[in-house]
Amino acid sequence: MLAQASPWYAHALQRTAAGPAEPLAPPVRMEWTTRPGIGPGAEILGPDRPRTRVVELGCGPGHNAACLATRHAAHVTGVDLVGLQVRRARSHYGRLNNLTFVAGHALHYLYASDEQFDAIYSVFGAVGLVAPELLLPAIAHRLKPGRTLAFSIPHPRRGGRPPSADDRPRRDHVTLPDRTRLPVARWDFDAARWEKHLDRAGLWLASAQEFHDPRQGRWPTTLLITARKL
């Protein structure tokens, strides 16, 4: 019921209604931003990806997970709250080796797992949409020491808005394929506030990069954070 009440379920439902999900060739590179080809690729997760165990929190249709599993020989688990998204990801890439898709809440998955992971990442996924005081400690609990958490989020200054002034989420919107806008709560932090929350969870901020999409004006559109477990 939690998944079906979310705007992400409505988004996936519209995508599913638009047409069946066909098998796809894995993308040649990972994408972290709102425009393909801008920013880094898989190298941000570390140099030793072959045979590493990686988790994506909020995998959507599975494109980035498929890229890591095939182009970089990582063992990847993609987790998504919405079962329809997981079904779509499996239709696209379920035939591939080293790749598993799981339906469930990111927090539940992390605390239910007994594995330690070499990298955990989120591309406009669970990080920023789940309370950081809950999610970041869960991530740190499952990340091997010295290994990487990377996540991209909508830039807190997109469209000229100011970043959040405190630790509370604020109201944002998800635009569906039919252009309907549904409300969502988002933790819209700048890099300094993310660093504070990462530090509390035992994670060290390694870098914070911002990227622009020229189609969307002069304001930055994506904030990409990398951190490592102490």
Protein backbone atom coordinates (compact mmCIF):
# COMPACT_ATOMS: atom_id res chain seq x y z
CA MET A 1 0.00 0.00 0.00
CA LEU A 2 2.89 2.39 0.70
CA ALA A 3 4.18 2.01 -2.85
CA GLN A 4 0.76 2.42 -4.44
CA ALA A 5 0.16 5.61 -2.46
CA SER A 6 3.35 7.21 -3.78
CA PRO A 7 3.61 9.44 -6.86
CA TRP A 8 6.27 7.06 -8.15
CA TYR A 9 3.61 4.36 -8.49
CA ALA A 10 1.48 6.73 -10.58
CA HIS A 11 4.54 7.52 -12.69
CA ALA A 12 5.31 3.84 -13.28
CA LEU A 13 1.65 3.08 -14.02
CA GLN A 14 1.56 5.68 -16.77
CA ARG A 15 4.82 4.38 -18.24
CA THR A 16 3.43 0.85 -18.22
CA ALA A 17 0.19 1.94 -19.87
CA ALA A 18 2.14 3.69 -22.63
CA GLY A 19 3.55 0.41 -23.89
CA PRO A 20 5.24 -2.87 -22.90
CA ALA A 21 8.81 -2.89 -21.69
CA GLU A 22 11.03 -4.58 -24.25
CA PRO A 23 14.51 -6.08 -23.74
CA LEU A 24 17.14 -3.38 -24.14
CA ALA A 25 20.87 -3.30 -24.70
CA PRO A 26 22.64 -2.02 -21.57
CA PRO A 27 23.73 1.61 -21.76
CA VAL A 28 27.40 2.26 -22.46
CA ARG A 29 27.81 4.63 -19.48
CA MET A 30 26.22 5.48 -16.17
CA GLU A 31 24.33 8.75 -15.96
CA TRP A 32 24.14 10.86 -12.81
CA THR A 33 22.52 14.05 -14.10
CA THR A 34 19.40 15.29 -15.84
CA ARG A 35 21.10 15.31 -19.24
CA PRO A 36 22.96 12.29 -20.69
CA GLY A 37 26.66 12.74 -21.25
CA ILE A 38 27.16 15.40 -18.58
CA GLY A 39 29.30 14.55 -15.58
CA PRO A 40 31.24 11.43 -14.58
CA GLY A 41 30.38 7.82 -15.19
CA ALA A 42 30.91 4.63 -13.19
CA GLU A 43 34.43 5.61 -12.18
CA ILE A 44 33.00 7.67 -9.34
CA LEU A 45 32.18 4.42 -7.50
CA GLY A 46 35.84 3.41 -7.30
CA PRO A 47 38.50 1.75 -9.48
CA ASP A 48 37.85 -1.90 -8.55
CA ARG A 49 34.30 -2.51 -9.75
CA PRO A 50 34.79 -5.99 -11.29
CA ARG A 51 33.29 -8.60 -8.97
CA THR A 52 32.32 -5.93 -6.46
CA ARG A 53 28.89 -5.96 -4.84
CA VAL A 54 26.87 -2.85 -5.50
CA VAL A 55 23.37 -1.69 -4.53
CA GLU A 56 21.27 0.95 -6.25
CA LEU A 57 18.59 2.53 -4.05
CA GLY A 58 15.75 3.53 -6.36
CA CYS A 59 16.74 1.71 -9.55
CA GLY A 60 13.72 2.71 -11.68
CA PRO A 61 13.83 0.93 -15.05
CA GLY A 62 17.32 -0.40 -14.33
CA HIS A 63 19.51 1.38 -16.88
CA ASN A 64 22.41 2.29 -14.57
CA ALA A 65 22.36 -1.08 -12.83
CA ALA A 66 22.52 -2.85 -16.21
CA CYS A 67 25.47 -0.70 -17.26
CA LEU A 68 27.43 -1.59 -14.12
CA ALA A 69 26.64 -5.30 -14.38
CA THR A 70 27.64 -5.65 -18.04
CA ARG A 71 30.20 -2.94 -18.81
CA HIS A 72 32.00 -3.15 -15.44
CA ALA A 73 31.36 -6.76 -14.30
CA ALA A 74 29.90 -5.69 -10.95
CA HIS A 75 27.33 -7.75 -9.07
CA VAL A 76 24.44 -5.31 -8.80
CA THR A 77 21.18 -5.32 -6.89
CA GLY A 78 18.65 -2.69 -7.92
CA VAL A 79 16.05 -1.88 -5.26
CA ASP A 80 12.89 0.09 -5.98
CA LEU A 81 9.85 0.88 -3.89
CA VAL A 82 7.46 0.33 -6.80
CA GLY A 83 6.90 -3.21 -8.02
CA LEU A 84 5.86 -1.95 -11.45
CA GLN A 85 9.27 -0.37 -11.86
CA VAL A 86 10.98 -3.58 -10.84
CA ARG A 87 8.85 -5.51 -13.34
CA ARG A 88 9.85 -3.04 -16.04
CA ALA A 89 13.55 -3.31 -15.11
CA ARG A 90 13.33 -7.10 -15.30
CA SER A 91 11.69 -6.87 -18.71
CA HIS A 92 14.50 -4.64 -19.93
CA TYR A 93 17.46 -6.43 -18.34
CA GLY A 94 16.36 -9.50 -16.38
CA ARG A 95 18.23 -11.81 -18.77
CA LEU A 96 21.61 -10.35 -17.79
CA ASN A 97 24.09 -12.00 -15.44
CA ASN A 98 25.20 -10.42 -12.15
CA LEU A 99 22.01 -8.35 -11.95
CA THR A 100 19.07 -8.66 -9.55
CA PHE A 101 16.05 -6.40 -9.11
CA VAL A 102 14.14 -6.30 -5.82
CA ALA A 103 10.90 -4.54 -4.89
CA GLY A 104 10.96 -2.93 -1.45
CA HIS A 105 11.69 0.12 0.63
CA ALA A 106 15.37 1.09 0.73
CA LEU A 107 15.43 1.09 4.55
CA HIS A 108 13.80 -2.31 4.80
CA TYR A 109 16.18 -3.80 2.27
CA LEU A 110 19.30 -2.46 3.98
CA TYR A 111 18.32 -3.63 7.43
CA ALA A 112 17.08 -7.02 6.21
CA SER A 113 20.26 -7.73 4.24
CA ASP A 114 23.22 -9.46 5.88
CA GLU A 115 25.69 -8.44 3.15
CA GLN A 116 28.41 -5.81 3.18
CA PHE A 117 28.64 -3.83 -0.04
CA ASP A 118 31.53 -2.28 -1.95
CA ALA A 119 29.41 0.63 -3.19
CA ILE A 120 25.92 1.99 -2.66
CA TYR A 121 24.45 4.61 -4.96
CA SER A 122 21.28 6.51 -5.76
CA VAL A 123 20.45 8.52 -8.89
CA PHE A 124 17.46 10.73 -8.10
CA GLY A 125 16.36 7.78 -5.97
CA ALA A 126 15.91 7.06 -2.28
CA VAL A 127 18.55 9.50 -1.02
CA GLY A 128 16.75 12.81 -0.66
CA LEU A 129 13.34 11.13 -0.49
CA VAL A 130 13.87 9.16 2.73
CA ALA A 131 14.72 10.91 6.01
CA PRO A 132 18.54 11.15 6.02
CA GLU A 133 18.77 10.55 9.77
CA LEU A 134 17.29 7.10 9.04
CA LEU A 135 18.68 6.23 5.62
CA LEU A 136 22.31 7.32 5.95
CA PRO A 137 23.01 5.20 9.10
CA ALA A 138 21.41 2.22 7.33
CA ILE A 139 23.69 2.78 4.35
CA ALA A 140 26.75 3.09 6.60
CA HIS A 141 25.73 -0.14 8.33
CA ARG A 142 25.92 -2.06 5.04
CA LEU A 143 28.90 -0.31 3.42
CA LYS A 144 32.37 -1.76 3.80
CA PRO A 145 34.93 0.52 5.48
CA GLY A 146 36.61 2.88 3.04
CA ARG A 147 34.02 2.23 0.33
CA THR A 148 31.82 4.68 -1.54
CA LEU A 149 28.32 6.08 -1.27
CA ALA A 150 27.40 8.23 -4.28
CA PHE A 151 24.11 9.97 -4.89
CA SER A 152 22.72 12.56 -7.24
CA ILE A 153 19.73 14.70 -6.30
CA PRO A 154 17.91 17.69 -7.78
CA HIS A 155 20.09 20.69 -7.01
CA PRO A 156 18.69 22.63 -4.03
CA ARG A 157 19.13 25.88 -5.97
CA ARG A 158 17.41 24.67 -9.16
CA GLY A 159 15.19 27.34 -10.65
CA GLY A 160 16.69 29.98 -8.36
CA ARG A 161 15.20 28.63 -5.13
CA PRO A 162 17.19 28.71 -1.87
CA PRO A 163 18.27 25.42 -0.25
CA SER A 164 16.48 24.21 2.86
CA ALA A 165 17.23 26.36 5.89
CA ASP A 166 16.81 23.48 8.36
CA ASP A 167 16.72 19.68 8.51
CA ARG A 168 13.05 19.30 7.61
CA PRO A 169 11.83 18.14 4.21
CA ARG A 170 9.97 20.57 2.02
CA ARG A 171 7.24 20.21 -0.54
CA ASP A 172 8.25 19.43 -4.10
CA HIS A 173 6.47 17.92 -7.11
CA VAL A 174 6.91 14.94 -9.40
CA THR A 175 5.89 15.50 -13.01
CA LEU A 176 4.20 12.46 -14.53
CA PRO A 177 4.45 11.49 -18.21
CA ASP A 178 1.06 13.15 -18.84
CA ARG A 179 2.46 16.37 -17.26
CA THR A 180 0.35 16.01 -14.10
CA ARG A 181 2.23 17.22 -11.02
CA LEU A 182 1.96 15.29 -7.76
CA PRO A 183 3.37 16.46 -4.40
CA VAL A 184 6.36 14.79 -2.77
CA ALA A 185 8.45 15.53 0.33
CA ARG A 186 12.14 16.07 -0.45
CA TRP A 187 15.17 16.80 1.74
CA ASP A 188 16.59 19.68 -0.32
CA PHE A 189 19.98 20.15 1.35
CA ASP A 190 23.06 21.92 0.11
CA ALA A 191 26.46 20.21 0.33
CA ALA A 192 27.24 21.63 3.78
CA ARG A 193 24.04 20.26 5.30
CA TRP A 194 24.57 16.89 3.61
CA GLU A 195 28.08 16.82 5.06
CA LYS A 196 26.65 17.28 8.55
CA HIS A 197 24.26 14.35 8.12
CA LEU A 198 26.92 12.17 6.52
CA ASP A 199 29.28 12.86 9.40
CA ARG A 200 26.64 11.85 11.94
CA ALA A 201 26.26 8.52 10.13
CA GLY A 202 29.99 7.78 10.07
CA LEU A 203 30.49 8.80 6.45
CA TRP A 204 33.09 11.25 5.13
CA LEU A 205 32.18 13.74 2.40
CA ALA A 206 34.68 13.20 -0.42
CA SER A 207 33.26 15.52 -3.08
CA ALA A 208 30.26 17.63 -4.02
CA GLN A 209 29.81 18.52 -7.69
CA GLU A 210 27.08 20.56 -9.33
CA PHE A 211 25.98 20.27 -12.94
CA HIS A 212 23.90 22.39 -15.29
CA ASP A 213 21.45 21.41 -17.99
CA PRO A 214 21.55 24.25 -20.54
CA ARG A 215 17.96 23.49 -21.53
CA GLN A 216 16.76 24.50 -18.05
CA GLY A 217 18.27 27.95 -17.64
CA ARG A 218 21.31 29.24 -15.78
CA TRP A 219 20.74 27.52 -12.43
CA PRO A 220 22.42 24.20 -11.57
CA THR A 221 20.11 21.20 -11.91
CA THR A 222 22.00 18.33 -10.26
CA LEU A 223 24.06 17.96 -7.08
CA LEU A 224 26.31 14.88 -7.01
CA ILE A 225 27.70 13.83 -3.63
CA THR A 226 30.32 11.17 -2.99
CA ALA A 227 31.18 9.95 0.50
CA ARG A 228 33.21 7.15 2.04
CA LYS A 229 32.68 5.09 5.14
CA LEU A 230 35.20 5.96 7.84
